[in-house]
Amino acid sequence: MAKFDGAFGDEMIDRKLSLPSFADKMEHAQRQAGTAAYHGLTPVYEFPTQATADDARKLLDSWGITTIVTRQAN
Protein backbone atom coordinates (compact mmCIF):
# COMPACT_ATOMS: atom_id res chain seq x y z
CA MET A 1 0.00 0.00 0.00
CA ALA A 2 1.20 3.53 -0.77
CA LYS A 3 0.16 6.32 1.57
CA PHE A 4 0.46 10.06 1.12
CA ASP A 5 -0.33 12.94 3.49
CA GLY A 6 -2.52 14.78 1.01
CA ALA A 7 -3.21 15.88 -2.53
CA PHE A 8 -3.12 19.17 -4.37
CA GLY A 9 -4.14 19.25 -8.02
CA ASP A 10 -2.31 16.40 -9.72
CA GLU A 11 0.26 16.08 -6.93
CA MET A 12 0.26 13.47 -4.19
CA ILE A 13 2.18 15.04 -1.29
CA ASP A 14 4.09 13.25 1.44
CA ARG A 15 5.68 15.50 4.07
CA LYS A 16 8.83 14.13 5.66
CA LEU A 17 11.44 15.29 8.15
CA SER A 18 14.13 13.19 6.44
CA LEU A 19 14.51 10.17 4.18
CA PRO A 20 16.44 7.34 5.87
CA SER A 21 18.43 5.09 3.56
CA PHE A 22 16.86 1.85 4.77
CA ALA A 23 15.77 -0.80 2.26
CA ASP A 24 12.15 -0.73 3.50
CA LYS A 25 12.07 3.03 2.78
CA MET A 26 13.26 2.35 -0.76
CA GLU A 27 10.45 -0.15 -1.25
CA HIS A 28 7.93 2.36 0.12
CA ALA A 29 9.21 5.05 -2.27
CA GLN A 30 8.96 2.59 -5.17
CA ARG A 31 5.35 1.80 -4.22
CA GLN A 32 4.48 5.50 -3.99
CA ALA A 33 6.11 6.24 -7.35
CA GLY A 34 4.32 3.34 -9.01
CA THR A 35 0.93 4.11 -7.50
CA ALA A 36 1.11 7.78 -8.47
CA ALA A 37 2.22 6.93 -12.02
CA TYR A 38 -0.60 4.40 -12.40
CA HIS A 39 -3.12 7.12 -11.56
CA GLY A 40 -1.39 9.79 -13.67
CA LEU A 41 -0.29 11.80 -10.62
CA THR A 42 3.03 13.28 -9.52
CA PRO A 43 4.44 12.08 -6.18
CA VAL A 44 6.03 14.91 -4.15
CA TYR A 45 8.14 14.66 -1.00
CA GLU A 46 8.23 17.90 0.98
CA PHE A 47 10.97 18.55 3.55
CA PRO A 48 11.53 21.29 6.15
CA THR A 49 14.73 22.55 4.46
CA GLN A 50 16.09 22.68 0.92
CA ALA A 51 19.26 20.90 2.06
CA THR A 52 17.19 17.93 3.28
CA ALA A 53 15.24 17.92 0.00
CA ASP A 54 18.52 17.91 -1.94
CA ASP A 55 19.87 15.01 0.14
CA ALA A 56 16.65 13.06 -0.44
CA ARG A 57 16.90 13.70 -4.20
CA LYS A 58 20.40 12.19 -4.23
CA LEU A 59 19.21 9.16 -2.28
CA LEU A 60 16.17 8.62 -4.53
CA ASP A 61 18.42 8.92 -7.60
CA SER A 62 20.78 6.31 -6.14
CA TRP A 63 17.77 4.00 -5.79
CA GLY A 64 16.78 4.65 -9.42
CA ILE A 65 13.61 6.52 -8.44
CA THR A 66 13.39 9.60 -10.64
CA THR A 67 9.65 10.34 -10.71
CA ILE A 68 9.33 11.60 -7.13
CA VAL A 69 9.74 15.37 -6.86
CA THR A 70 11.58 16.67 -3.78
CA ARG A 71 11.21 20.23 -2.49
CA GLN A 72 11.14 22.40 0.58
CA ALA A 73 7.70 22.71 2.15
CA ASN A 74 6.14 26.15 2.11
C-alpha atoms as a PDB file:
ATOM      1  CA  MET A   1       0.000   0.000   0.000  1.00  0.00           C
ATOM      2  CA  ALA A   2       1.196   3.528  -0.772  1.00  0.00           C
ATOM      3  CA  LYS A   3       0.160   6.325   1.574  1.00  0.00           C
ATOM      4  CA  PHE A   4       0.455  10.059   1.117  1.00  0.00           C
ATOM      5  CA  ASP A   5      -0.327  12.935   3.488  1.00  0.00           C
ATOM      6  CA  GLY A   6      -2.520  14.778   1.014  1.00  0.00           C
ATOM      7  CA  ALA A   7      -3.210  15.879  -2.528  1.00  0.00           C
ATOM      8  CA  PHE A   8      -3.117  19.174  -4.368  1.00  0.00           C
ATOM      9  CA  GLY A   9      -4.144  19.250  -8.017  1.00  0.00           C
ATOM     10  CA  ASP A  10      -2.312  16.398  -9.722  1.00  0.00           C
ATOM     11  CA  GLU A  11       0.264  16.078  -6.931  1.00  0.00           C
ATOM     12  CA  MET A  12       0.263  13.469  -4.189  1.00  0.00           C
ATOM     13  CA  ILE A  13       2.176  15.040  -1.294  1.00  0.00           C
ATOM     14  CA  ASP A  14       4.087  13.249   1.444  1.00  0.00           C
ATOM     15  CA  ARG A  15       5.683  15.503   4.071  1.00  0.00           C
ATOM     16  CA  LYS A  16       8.831  14.127   5.655  1.00  0.00           C
ATOM     17  CA  LEU A  17      11.441  15.285   8.148  1.00  0.00           C
ATOM     18  CA  SER A  18      14.129  13.190   6.437  1.00  0.00           C
ATOM     19  CA  LEU A  19      14.514  10.170   4.175  1.00  0.00           C
ATOM     20  CA  PRO A  20      16.438   7.343   5.872  1.00  0.00           C
ATOM     21  CA  SER A  21      18.429   5.085   3.557  1.00  0.00           C
ATOM     22  CA  PHE A  22      16.858   1.847   4.767  1.00  0.00           C
ATOM     23  CA  ALA A  23      15.769  -0.801   2.265  1.00  0.00           C
ATOM     24  CA  ASP A  24      12.153  -0.726   3.497  1.00  0.00           C
ATOM     25  CA  LYS A  25      12.068   3.032   2.785  1.00  0.00           C
ATOM     26  CA  MET A  26      13.262   2.353  -0.758  1.00  0.00           C
ATOM     27  CA  GLU A  27      10.453  -0.154  -1.251  1.00  0.00           C
ATOM     28  CA  HIS A  28       7.925   2.356   0.121  1.00  0.00           C
ATOM     29  CA  ALA A  29       9.205   5.045  -2.266  1.00  0.00           C
ATOM     30  CA  GLN A  30       8.958   2.589  -5.171  1.00  0.00           C
ATOM     31  CA  ARG A  31       5.349   1.804  -4.225  1.00  0.00           C
ATOM     32  CA  GLN A  32       4.485   5.501  -3.991  1.00  0.00           C
ATOM     33  CA  ALA A  33       6.115   6.244  -7.353  1.00  0.00           C
ATOM     34  CA  GLY A  34       4.321   3.335  -9.010  1.00  0.00           C
ATOM     35  CA  THR A  35       0.931   4.110  -7.504  1.00  0.00           C
ATOM     36  CA  ALA A  36       1.113   7.779  -8.472  1.00  0.00           C
ATOM     37  CA  ALA A  37       2.224   6.925 -12.025  1.00  0.00           C
ATOM     38  CA  TYR A  38      -0.599   4.401 -12.396  1.00  0.00           C
ATOM     39  CA  HIS A  39      -3.120   7.123 -11.559  1.00  0.00           C
ATOM     40  CA  GLY A  40      -1.387   9.794 -13.666  1.00  0.00           C
ATOM     41  CA  LEU A  41      -0.293  11.805 -10.621  1.00  0.00           C
ATOM     42  CA  THR A  42       3.027  13.280  -9.517  1.00  0.00           C
ATOM     43  CA  PRO A  43       4.435  12.084  -6.182  1.00  0.00           C
ATOM     44  CA  VAL A  44       6.030  14.907  -4.152  1.00  0.00           C
ATOM     45  CA  TYR A  45       8.139  14.659  -0.999  1.00  0.00           C
ATOM     46  CA  GLU A  46       8.231  17.902   0.980  1.00  0.00           C
ATOM     47  CA  PHE A  47      10.969  18.546   3.555  1.00  0.00           C
ATOM     48  CA  PRO A  48      11.534  21.288   6.146  1.00  0.00           C
ATOM     49  CA  THR A  49      14.735  22.547   4.459  1.00  0.00           C
ATOM     50  CA  GLN A  50      16.087  22.678   0.916  1.00  0.00           C
ATOM     51  CA  ALA A  51      19.259  20.895   2.062  1.00  0.00           C
ATOM     52  CA  THR A  52      17.188  17.934   3.276  1.00  0.00           C
ATOM     53  CA  ALA A  53      15.237  17.917   0.004  1.00  0.00           C
ATOM     54  CA  ASP A  54      18.521  17.911  -1.944  1.00  0.00           C
ATOM     55  CA  ASP A  55      19.870  15.008   0.143  1.00  0.00           C
ATOM     56  CA  ALA A  56      16.647  13.062  -0.444  1.00  0.00           C
ATOM     57  CA  ARG A  57      16.895  13.696  -4.200  1.00  0.00           C
ATOM     58  CA  LYS A  58      20.397  12.192  -4.231  1.00  0.00           C
ATOM     59  CA  LEU A  59      19.209   9.156  -2.282  1.00  0.00           C
ATOM     60  CA  LEU A  60      16.173   8.622  -4.531  1.00  0.00           C
ATOM     61  CA  ASP A  61      18.416   8.922  -7.597  1.00  0.00           C
ATOM     62  CA  SER A  62      20.782   6.307  -6.141  1.00  0.00           C
ATOM     63  CA  TRP A  63      17.769   4.002  -5.786  1.00  0.00           C
ATOM     64  CA  GLY A  64      16.777   4.653  -9.421  1.00  0.00           C
ATOM     65  CA  ILE A  65      13.608   6.524  -8.438  1.00  0.00           C
ATOM     66  CA  THR A  66      13.392   9.598 -10.640  1.00  0.00           C
ATOM     67  CA  THR A  67       9.653  10.338 -10.714  1.00  0.00           C
ATOM     68  CA  ILE A  68       9.326  11.601  -7.131  1.00  0.00           C
ATOM     69  CA  VAL A  69       9.742  15.375  -6.856  1.00  0.00           C
ATOM     70  CA  THR A  70      11.581  16.667  -3.784  1.00  0.00           C
ATOM     71  CA  ARG A  71      11.209  20.227  -2.495  1.00  0.00           C
ATOM     72  CA  GLN A  72      11.136  22.402   0.576  1.00  0.00           C
ATOM     73  CA  ALA A  73       7.698  22.714   2.145  1.00  0.00           C
ATOM     74  CA  ASN A  74       6.137  26.151   2.111  1.00  0.00           C
END
